[in-house]
């Protein structure tokens, strides 16, 4: 379960990062982070690492909660990625 938890979380973050890069390349604008993909990449990498650390810590005492949170967050980030892939430039 721990591996599935991490895969779900990091897949969502990775999909968000990749789709953000595509949207910015198409001329879209980032609503939350920077307009620079290198900056966004660094921020999203930090979020992925920090989130993984937090989930692993939570997993020690509340494994079901940690897995559930990772699944919900991973799906949420994947939905953001779907939105980003639909973004057209100006």
C-alpha atoms as a PDB file:
ATOM      1  CA  UNK A   1       0.000   0.000   0.000  1.00  0.00           C
ATOM      2  CA  UNK A   2       2.848   2.370   0.764  1.00  0.00           C
ATOM      3  CA  UNK A   3       4.198   2.096  -2.779  1.00  0.00           C
ATOM      4  CA  UNK A   4       0.745   2.692  -4.277  1.00  0.00           C
ATOM      5  CA  UNK A   5       0.378   5.752  -2.056  1.00  0.00           C
ATOM      6  CA  UNK A   6       3.645   7.281  -3.260  1.00  0.00           C
ATOM      7  CA  UNK A   7       2.969   6.404  -6.906  1.00  0.00           C
ATOM      8  CA  UNK A   8      -0.487   8.021  -6.765  1.00  0.00           C
ATOM      9  CA  UNK A   9       0.867  11.216  -5.202  1.00  0.00           C
ATOM     10  CA  UNK A  10       3.929  11.599  -7.420  1.00  0.00           C
ATOM     11  CA  UNK A  11       1.985  10.694 -10.578  1.00  0.00           C
ATOM     12  CA  UNK A  12      -0.435  13.515  -9.881  1.00  0.00           C
ATOM     13  CA  UNK A  13       2.336  16.024  -9.206  1.00  0.00           C
ATOM     14  CA  UNK A  14       4.265  14.860 -12.280  1.00  0.00           C
ATOM     15  CA  UNK A  15       1.194  15.107 -14.503  1.00  0.00           C
ATOM     16  CA  UNK A  16       0.536  18.611 -13.202  1.00  0.00           C
ATOM     17  CA  UNK A  17       4.133  19.672 -13.856  1.00  0.00           C
ATOM     18  CA  UNK A  18       4.193  18.229 -17.360  1.00  0.00           C
ATOM     19  CA  UNK A  19       0.839  19.676 -18.335  1.00  0.00           C
ATOM     20  CA  UNK A  20       1.804  23.072 -16.933  1.00  0.00           C
ATOM     21  CA  UNK A  21       4.879  23.057 -19.155  1.00  0.00           C
ATOM     22  CA  UNK A  22       2.721  22.213 -22.187  1.00  0.00           C
ATOM     23  CA  UNK A  23       0.195  24.940 -21.355  1.00  0.00           C
ATOM     24  CA  UNK A  24       2.901  27.570 -20.863  1.00  0.00           C
ATOM     25  CA  UNK A  25       4.535  26.539 -24.138  1.00  0.00           C
ATOM     26  CA  UNK A  26       1.180  27.031 -25.893  1.00  0.00           C
ATOM     27  CA  UNK A  27       0.973  30.563 -24.539  1.00  0.00           C
ATOM     28  CA  UNK A  28      -1.187  29.881 -21.497  1.00  0.00           C
ATOM     29  CA  UNK A  29      -0.663  31.647 -18.186  1.00  0.00           C
ATOM     30  CA  UNK A  30      -0.010  30.053 -14.805  1.00  0.00           C
ATOM     31  CA  UNK A  31      -2.626  31.187 -12.300  1.00  0.00           C
ATOM     32  CA  UNK A  32      -0.883  30.116  -9.090  1.00  0.00           C
ATOM     33  CA  UNK A  33       2.871  29.800  -9.608  1.00  0.00           C
ATOM     34  CA  UNK A  34       5.435  31.545 -11.787  1.00  0.00           C
ATOM     35  CA  UNK A  35       5.236  32.031 -15.554  1.00  0.00           C
ATOM     36  CA  UNK A  36       8.713  30.452 -15.744  1.00  0.00           C
ATOM     37  CA  UNK A  37       8.735  26.676 -16.138  1.00  0.00           C
ATOM     38  CA  UNK A  38      12.147  26.224 -14.453  1.00  0.00           C
ATOM     39  CA  UNK A  39      10.787  28.002 -11.374  1.00  0.00           C
ATOM     40  CA  UNK A  40       7.542  25.995 -11.519  1.00  0.00           C
ATOM     41  CA  UNK A  41       9.509  22.780 -11.931  1.00  0.00           C
ATOM     42  CA  UNK A  42      11.566  23.525  -8.852  1.00  0.00           C
ATOM     43  CA  UNK A  43       8.476  24.431  -6.820  1.00  0.00           C
ATOM     44  CA  UNK A  44       6.576  21.334  -7.924  1.00  0.00           C
ATOM     45  CA  UNK A  45       9.591  19.107  -7.260  1.00  0.00           C
ATOM     46  CA  UNK A  46       9.797  20.544  -3.758  1.00  0.00           C
ATOM     47  CA  UNK A  47       6.086  19.952  -3.286  1.00  0.00           C
ATOM     48  CA  UNK A  48       6.451  16.369  -4.474  1.00  0.00           C
ATOM     49  CA  UNK A  49       9.362  15.697  -2.127  1.00  0.00           C
ATOM     50  CA  UNK A  50       7.751  17.466   0.833  1.00  0.00           C
ATOM     51  CA  UNK A  51       4.422  15.752   0.234  1.00  0.00           C
ATOM     52  CA  UNK A  52       6.093  12.365   0.018  1.00  0.00           C
ATOM     53  CA  UNK A  53       7.917  12.983   3.283  1.00  0.00           C
ATOM     54  CA  UNK A  54       4.691  14.060   4.983  1.00  0.00           C
ATOM     55  CA  UNK A  55       2.730  11.088   3.663  1.00  0.00           C
ATOM     56  CA  UNK A  56       5.406   8.651   4.826  1.00  0.00           C
ATOM     57  CA  UNK A  57       5.394  10.210   8.294  1.00  0.00           C
ATOM     58  CA  UNK A  58       1.598  10.041   8.463  1.00  0.00           C
ATOM     59  CA  UNK A  59       1.642   6.453   7.185  1.00  0.00           C
ATOM     60  CA  UNK A  60       3.486   5.329  10.334  1.00  0.00           C
ATOM     61  CA  UNK A  61       0.580   6.147  12.613  1.00  0.00           C
ATOM     62  CA  UNK A  62      -2.412   6.373  10.237  1.00  0.00           C
ATOM     63  CA  UNK A  63      -1.756   4.242   7.151  1.00  0.00           C
ATOM     64  CA  UNK A  64      -5.325   4.251   5.827  1.00  0.00           C
ATOM     65  CA  UNK A  65      -5.594   8.016   6.149  1.00  0.00           C
ATOM     66  CA  UNK A  66      -2.250   8.544   4.400  1.00  0.00           C
ATOM     67  CA  UNK A  67      -3.195   6.260   1.507  1.00  0.00           C
ATOM     68  CA  UNK A  68      -6.605   7.923   1.182  1.00  0.00           C
ATOM     69  CA  UNK A  69      -5.098  11.396   1.168  1.00  0.00           C
ATOM     70  CA  UNK A  70      -2.534  10.400  -1.443  1.00  0.00           C
ATOM     71  CA  UNK A  71      -5.217   8.929  -3.682  1.00  0.00           C
ATOM     72  CA  UNK A  72      -7.473  11.979  -3.427  1.00  0.00           C
ATOM     73  CA  UNK A  73      -4.563  14.395  -3.925  1.00  0.00           C
ATOM     74  CA  UNK A  74      -3.195  12.369  -6.854  1.00  0.00           C
ATOM     75  CA  UNK A  75      -6.571  12.304  -8.594  1.00  0.00           C
ATOM     76  CA  UNK A  76      -7.042  16.012  -7.899  1.00  0.00           C
ATOM     77  CA  UNK A  77      -3.689  16.854  -9.421  1.00  0.00           C
ATOM     78  CA  UNK A  78      -4.491  14.648 -12.407  1.00  0.00           C
ATOM     79  CA  UNK A  79      -7.700  16.600 -12.962  1.00  0.00           C
ATOM     80  CA  UNK A  80      -5.658  19.793 -12.903  1.00  0.00           C
ATOM     81  CA  UNK A  81      -3.409  18.216 -15.543  1.00  0.00           C
ATOM     82  CA  UNK A  82      -6.427  17.443 -17.737  1.00  0.00           C
ATOM     83  CA  UNK A  83      -7.456  21.095 -17.484  1.00  0.00           C
ATOM     84  CA  UNK A  84      -3.920  22.258 -18.314  1.00  0.00           C
ATOM     85  CA  UNK A  85      -3.790  20.093 -21.443  1.00  0.00           C
ATOM     86  CA  UNK A  86      -6.940  21.842 -22.691  1.00  0.00           C
ATOM     87  CA  UNK A  87      -5.429  25.332 -22.330  1.00  0.00           C
ATOM     88  CA  UNK A  88      -4.943  27.133 -25.625  1.00  0.00           C
ATOM     89  CA  UNK A  89      -2.634  30.081 -26.113  1.00  0.00           C
ATOM     90  CA  UNK A  90      -3.677  33.651 -26.685  1.00  0.00           C
END
